[in-house]
Amino acid sequence: MERYLDNIYIVLVEPKNPGNIGSVVRAMKNMGISHLRLVNPVEYRTVEEQRKMGYRSQEIIKYSRVFPSLSAALSDISMVFLATTRKGKWKKDFLLPSGAAEMIVSRIRKEKVAVVFGREESGVTIDESQLANYYIRIPTAVDYPSLNLSQAVMVIAYELFKHIGKIQETISFPKRVERKKYDRLIDNIWSLMKSLEFKEKDRGLFHRSLKRALNRTHWTNADIAVFDRACKQVRWYIETRLKARDKN
């Protein structure tokens, strides 16, 4: 079981309360998850409140990693799930925790999977939400849920722990590329579109739709290489053949 759990990463975006971080690592420890990444967190490693709430879980704190942005924290991750209560135009494919856990455990033999939790008060930005492949919504008995950060982590961590035992060795999927390679391809396609005098501002409708479309694919390194080569060929044609034709 440990070898599967070792490919699960919990990512906290700008947590402001050291006690919440301590409660999160305690929930992770109970469910066997050890990888924690934090984006621009409050000071937490030696804070007494964190140490108290994260009792007997400080090895997770010791090896936790801090990043300057969510994009950087996910650069080597293949599949990203965002836990959120907020729906919106750019948030599609909502899953319940059990459904998300089932999907995650079907991939973690070969891939790194991250579950992202946003800021305690404001969640994530639209641009940050575009980094997710799927969204997890935890159902509650009230219309406006107010789960504590550690409670949300515990719900999803428990579902993951429960579903790990159901992994069948016969399940096999090709390894999905890391997040940074998707980002590179998105930038490559967008740059190509701009060179074709595409009239749209950065992060406009097409740009966001492009991200959403690619986030929903399950491409391998070979798949990405095909589209990288196609972009490279089109750019070469524009810069050589068309310019040469214009000179004549």
Protein backbone atom coordinates (compact mmCIF):
# COMPACT_ATOMS: atom_id res chain seq x y z
CA MET A 1 0.00 0.00 0.00
CA GLU A 2 2.83 2.39 0.88
CA ARG A 3 4.25 2.38 -2.64
CA TYR A 4 0.94 3.65 -4.02
CA LEU A 5 0.49 6.31 -1.34
CA ASP A 6 4.01 7.52 -2.08
CA ASN A 7 2.80 8.95 -5.40
CA ILE A 8 0.12 11.14 -3.77
CA TYR A 9 0.95 14.78 -3.04
CA ILE A 10 -1.13 17.16 -0.90
CA VAL A 11 -0.69 20.79 -2.00
CA LEU A 12 -1.81 23.75 0.14
CA VAL A 13 -2.08 27.18 -1.47
CA GLU A 14 -0.98 30.05 0.78
CA PRO A 15 -2.17 28.62 4.11
CA LYS A 16 -2.30 31.42 6.70
CA ASN A 17 -2.78 29.44 9.90
CA PRO A 18 0.08 27.28 11.27
CA GLY A 19 -2.45 25.28 13.29
CA ASN A 20 -4.29 24.35 10.11
CA ILE A 21 -1.04 23.09 8.59
CA GLY A 22 -0.42 21.00 11.71
CA SER A 23 -3.94 19.54 11.55
CA VAL A 24 -3.44 18.73 7.86
CA VAL A 25 -0.24 16.77 8.43
CA ARG A 26 -1.87 14.85 11.27
CA ALA A 27 -4.73 13.87 8.93
CA MET A 28 -2.18 12.88 6.28
CA LYS A 29 -0.19 10.78 8.76
CA ASN A 30 -3.30 8.91 9.87
CA MET A 31 -4.12 8.04 6.27
CA GLY A 32 -0.55 7.13 5.26
CA ILE A 33 0.17 10.11 2.98
CA SER A 34 3.59 11.71 3.46
CA HIS A 35 4.18 14.25 0.68
CA LEU A 36 3.21 17.86 1.48
CA ARG A 37 3.84 20.88 -0.73
CA LEU A 38 2.97 24.46 0.22
CA VAL A 39 2.67 27.57 -1.92
CA ASN A 40 3.80 30.77 -0.15
CA PRO A 41 2.77 29.56 3.32
CA VAL A 42 2.92 31.39 6.62
CA GLU A 43 5.93 30.43 8.77
CA TYR A 44 5.11 26.99 10.14
CA ARG A 45 8.02 24.61 10.61
CA THR A 46 8.95 25.59 14.16
CA VAL A 47 5.75 27.34 15.23
CA GLU A 48 4.36 25.87 18.45
CA GLU A 49 0.73 25.91 17.27
CA GLN A 50 1.67 23.82 14.23
CA ARG A 51 3.72 21.40 16.32
CA LYS A 52 0.86 20.98 18.78
CA MET A 53 -1.79 20.32 16.13
CA GLY A 54 0.60 18.15 14.11
CA TYR A 55 1.53 15.93 17.04
CA ARG A 56 3.57 12.87 15.98
CA SER A 57 3.48 14.03 12.36
CA GLN A 58 6.54 16.26 12.23
CA GLU A 59 8.41 14.02 9.79
CA ILE A 60 5.94 15.25 7.15
CA ILE A 61 6.75 18.83 8.12
CA LYS A 62 10.48 18.08 7.99
CA TYR A 63 10.34 16.91 4.39
CA SER A 64 7.62 19.32 3.20
CA ARG A 65 8.54 21.60 0.31
CA VAL A 66 7.70 25.27 -0.27
CA PHE A 67 7.12 26.78 -3.73
CA PRO A 68 6.64 30.36 -5.00
CA SER A 69 3.60 29.49 -7.15
CA LEU A 70 1.09 26.70 -7.68
CA SER A 71 2.44 26.17 -11.18
CA ALA A 72 5.91 25.51 -9.76
CA ALA A 73 4.52 23.13 -7.14
CA LEU A 74 2.83 21.07 -9.86
CA SER A 75 5.55 21.11 -12.51
CA ASP A 76 6.51 17.44 -12.07
CA ILE A 77 2.96 16.20 -11.40
CA SER A 78 1.05 14.23 -14.01
CA MET A 79 -2.54 14.60 -12.79
CA VAL A 80 -4.04 17.40 -10.66
CA PHE A 81 -7.26 17.40 -8.63
CA LEU A 82 -8.54 20.60 -7.00
CA ALA A 83 -10.80 20.42 -3.96
CA THR A 84 -13.18 23.38 -4.14
CA THR A 85 -16.69 24.45 -3.14
CA ARG A 86 -16.87 27.15 -5.80
CA LYS A 87 -18.38 26.42 -9.19
CA GLY A 88 -17.64 28.59 -12.19
CA LYS A 89 -17.39 28.84 -15.95
CA TRP A 90 -13.89 27.37 -16.01
CA LYS A 91 -14.47 24.64 -13.45
CA LYS A 92 -15.83 21.51 -15.09
CA ASP A 93 -15.81 17.78 -14.37
CA PHE A 94 -16.75 17.88 -10.67
CA LEU A 95 -16.28 14.61 -8.83
CA LEU A 96 -17.33 13.37 -5.44
CA PRO A 97 -14.45 12.35 -3.14
CA SER A 98 -15.12 8.65 -3.72
CA GLY A 99 -15.14 9.07 -7.50
CA ALA A 100 -11.97 11.14 -7.40
CA ALA A 101 -10.26 8.56 -5.20
CA GLU A 102 -11.19 5.77 -7.58
CA MET A 103 -9.74 7.71 -10.51
CA ILE A 104 -6.60 8.63 -8.59
CA VAL A 105 -5.77 5.11 -7.41
CA SER A 106 -6.13 3.83 -10.97
CA ARG A 107 -3.19 6.06 -11.98
CA ILE A 108 -0.77 6.15 -9.07
CA ARG A 109 1.20 3.03 -9.87
CA LYS A 110 3.08 5.00 -12.51
CA GLU A 111 2.27 8.67 -11.99
CA LYS A 112 2.48 11.44 -9.42
CA VAL A 113 -0.97 12.77 -8.52
CA ALA A 114 -1.62 15.98 -6.59
CA VAL A 115 -4.69 17.05 -4.62
CA VAL A 116 -4.75 20.83 -4.25
CA PHE A 117 -6.50 22.78 -1.51
CA GLY A 118 -6.92 26.53 -1.93
CA ARG A 119 -6.63 29.45 0.46
CA GLU A 120 -8.71 29.20 3.63
CA GLU A 121 -10.82 32.26 2.76
CA SER A 122 -10.63 32.76 -1.01
CA GLY A 123 -9.75 29.41 -2.58
CA VAL A 124 -7.74 29.69 -5.81
CA THR A 125 -7.64 32.18 -8.65
CA ILE A 126 -9.09 31.44 -12.08
CA ASP A 127 -5.60 30.99 -13.52
CA GLU A 128 -4.68 28.59 -10.71
CA SER A 129 -7.87 26.59 -11.25
CA GLN A 130 -6.83 26.10 -14.88
CA LEU A 131 -3.95 23.91 -13.69
CA ALA A 132 -6.37 21.23 -12.49
CA ASN A 133 -7.52 18.28 -14.56
CA TYR A 134 -10.53 17.57 -12.34
CA TYR A 135 -12.38 19.20 -9.45
CA ILE A 136 -13.53 17.56 -6.22
CA ARG A 137 -16.61 18.77 -4.41
CA ILE A 138 -17.35 17.49 -0.90
CA PRO A 139 -21.15 17.32 -0.39
CA THR A 140 -22.57 18.72 2.85
CA ALA A 141 -25.99 19.11 4.46
CA VAL A 142 -25.90 22.91 4.13
CA ASP A 143 -25.98 25.14 1.07
CA TYR A 144 -22.86 27.06 2.01
CA PRO A 145 -20.34 24.57 3.44
CA SER A 146 -17.53 25.81 5.64
CA LEU A 147 -15.24 22.82 6.06
CA ASN A 148 -11.99 23.51 7.83
CA LEU A 149 -8.90 22.92 5.67
CA SER A 150 -7.85 19.84 7.64
CA GLN A 151 -11.40 18.45 7.53
CA ALA A 152 -11.41 18.66 3.75
CA VAL A 153 -8.00 16.99 3.59
CA MET A 154 -9.14 14.21 5.92
CA VAL A 155 -12.29 13.44 3.87
CA ILE A 156 -10.34 13.03 0.65
CA ALA A 157 -7.35 11.31 2.29
CA TYR A 158 -9.69 8.75 3.86
CA GLU A 159 -11.30 7.99 0.50
CA LEU A 160 -7.86 7.52 -1.02
CA PHE A 161 -6.79 5.21 1.79
CA LYS A 162 -10.00 3.20 1.42
CA HIS A 163 -9.69 2.83 -2.34
CA ILE A 164 -6.00 1.89 -2.29
CA GLY A 165 -7.03 -1.55 -1.04
CA LYS A 166 -9.18 -2.03 -4.15
CA ILE A 167 -6.34 -1.59 -6.66
CA GLN A 168 -6.22 -4.46 -9.13
CA GLU A 169 -2.80 -5.35 -10.46
CA THR A 170 -4.35 -5.88 -13.89
CA ILE A 171 -5.10 -2.16 -14.27
CA SER A 172 -2.55 -0.59 -16.57
CA PHE A 173 -2.48 2.84 -18.17
CA PRO A 174 0.28 4.53 -20.16
CA LYS A 175 2.18 7.03 -18.03
CA ARG A 176 0.81 10.54 -18.37
CA VAL A 177 3.25 13.40 -18.95
CA GLU A 178 4.18 15.82 -16.18
CA ARG A 179 2.34 19.10 -15.71
CA LYS A 180 5.28 21.20 -16.94
CA LYS A 181 5.16 19.49 -20.36
CA TYR A 182 1.48 20.34 -20.77
CA ASP A 183 2.31 23.93 -19.86
CA ARG A 184 5.11 24.00 -22.43
CA LEU A 185 2.79 22.71 -25.16
CA ILE A 186 0.10 25.26 -24.22
CA ASP A 187 2.69 28.04 -24.45
CA ASN A 188 3.92 26.61 -27.74
CA ILE A 189 0.45 26.54 -29.32
CA TRP A 190 -0.40 29.97 -27.96
CA SER A 191 2.83 31.46 -29.30
CA LEU A 192 2.09 29.94 -32.68
CA MET A 193 -1.44 31.36 -32.70
CA LYS A 194 -0.08 34.83 -31.90
CA SER A 195 2.42 34.56 -34.76
CA LEU A 196 -0.57 33.90 -37.04
CA GLU A 197 -1.98 37.27 -35.91
CA PHE A 198 -4.62 35.68 -33.73
CA LYS A 199 -6.60 38.59 -32.25
CA GLU A 200 -7.09 37.75 -28.60
CA LYS A 201 -5.47 38.90 -25.39
CA ASP A 202 -3.52 36.54 -23.16
CA ARG A 203 -5.76 34.48 -20.84
CA GLY A 204 -8.77 35.20 -23.03
CA LEU A 205 -11.52 32.77 -24.07
CA PHE A 206 -9.39 30.73 -26.49
CA HIS A 207 -6.41 30.61 -24.13
CA ARG A 208 -8.49 29.32 -21.22
CA SER A 209 -10.40 26.88 -23.45
CA LEU A 210 -7.09 25.56 -24.79
CA LYS A 211 -5.89 24.89 -21.24
CA ARG A 212 -9.14 23.17 -20.30
CA ALA A 213 -9.07 20.98 -23.42
CA LEU A 214 -5.48 19.85 -22.86
CA ASN A 215 -6.07 19.29 -19.15
CA ARG A 216 -8.75 16.73 -20.01
CA THR A 217 -6.42 14.63 -22.18
CA HIS A 218 -4.29 11.71 -21.02
CA TRP A 219 -1.26 12.20 -23.22
CA THR A 220 2.09 10.46 -23.03
CA ASN A 221 5.50 11.96 -23.82
CA ALA A 222 5.13 10.66 -27.37
CA ASP A 223 1.75 12.40 -27.78
CA ILE A 224 3.17 15.72 -26.62
CA ALA A 225 6.16 15.30 -28.93
CA VAL A 226 3.84 14.94 -31.94
CA PHE A 227 2.16 18.28 -31.30
CA ASP A 228 5.43 19.97 -30.41
CA ARG A 229 6.79 18.87 -33.78
CA ALA A 230 3.65 20.08 -35.59
CA CYS A 231 3.99 23.53 -33.99
CA LYS A 232 7.68 23.61 -34.83
CA GLN A 233 6.98 22.73 -38.48
CA VAL A 234 4.28 25.38 -38.88
CA ARG A 235 6.56 28.01 -37.31
CA TRP A 236 9.42 26.99 -39.63
CA TYR A 237 7.13 27.29 -42.64
CA ILE A 238 5.99 30.76 -41.59
CA GLU A 239 9.53 31.99 -40.93
CA THR A 240 11.15 30.56 -44.07
CA ARG A 241 8.78 29.69 -46.91
CA LEU A 242 6.26 32.50 -46.47
CA LYS A 243 8.93 35.15 -45.87
CA ALA A 244 10.84 33.92 -48.93
CA ARG A 245 7.64 34.09 -50.99
CA ASP A 246 6.98 37.64 -49.84
CA LYS A 247 10.48 38.72 -50.94
CA ASN A 248 9.85 37.38 -54.42
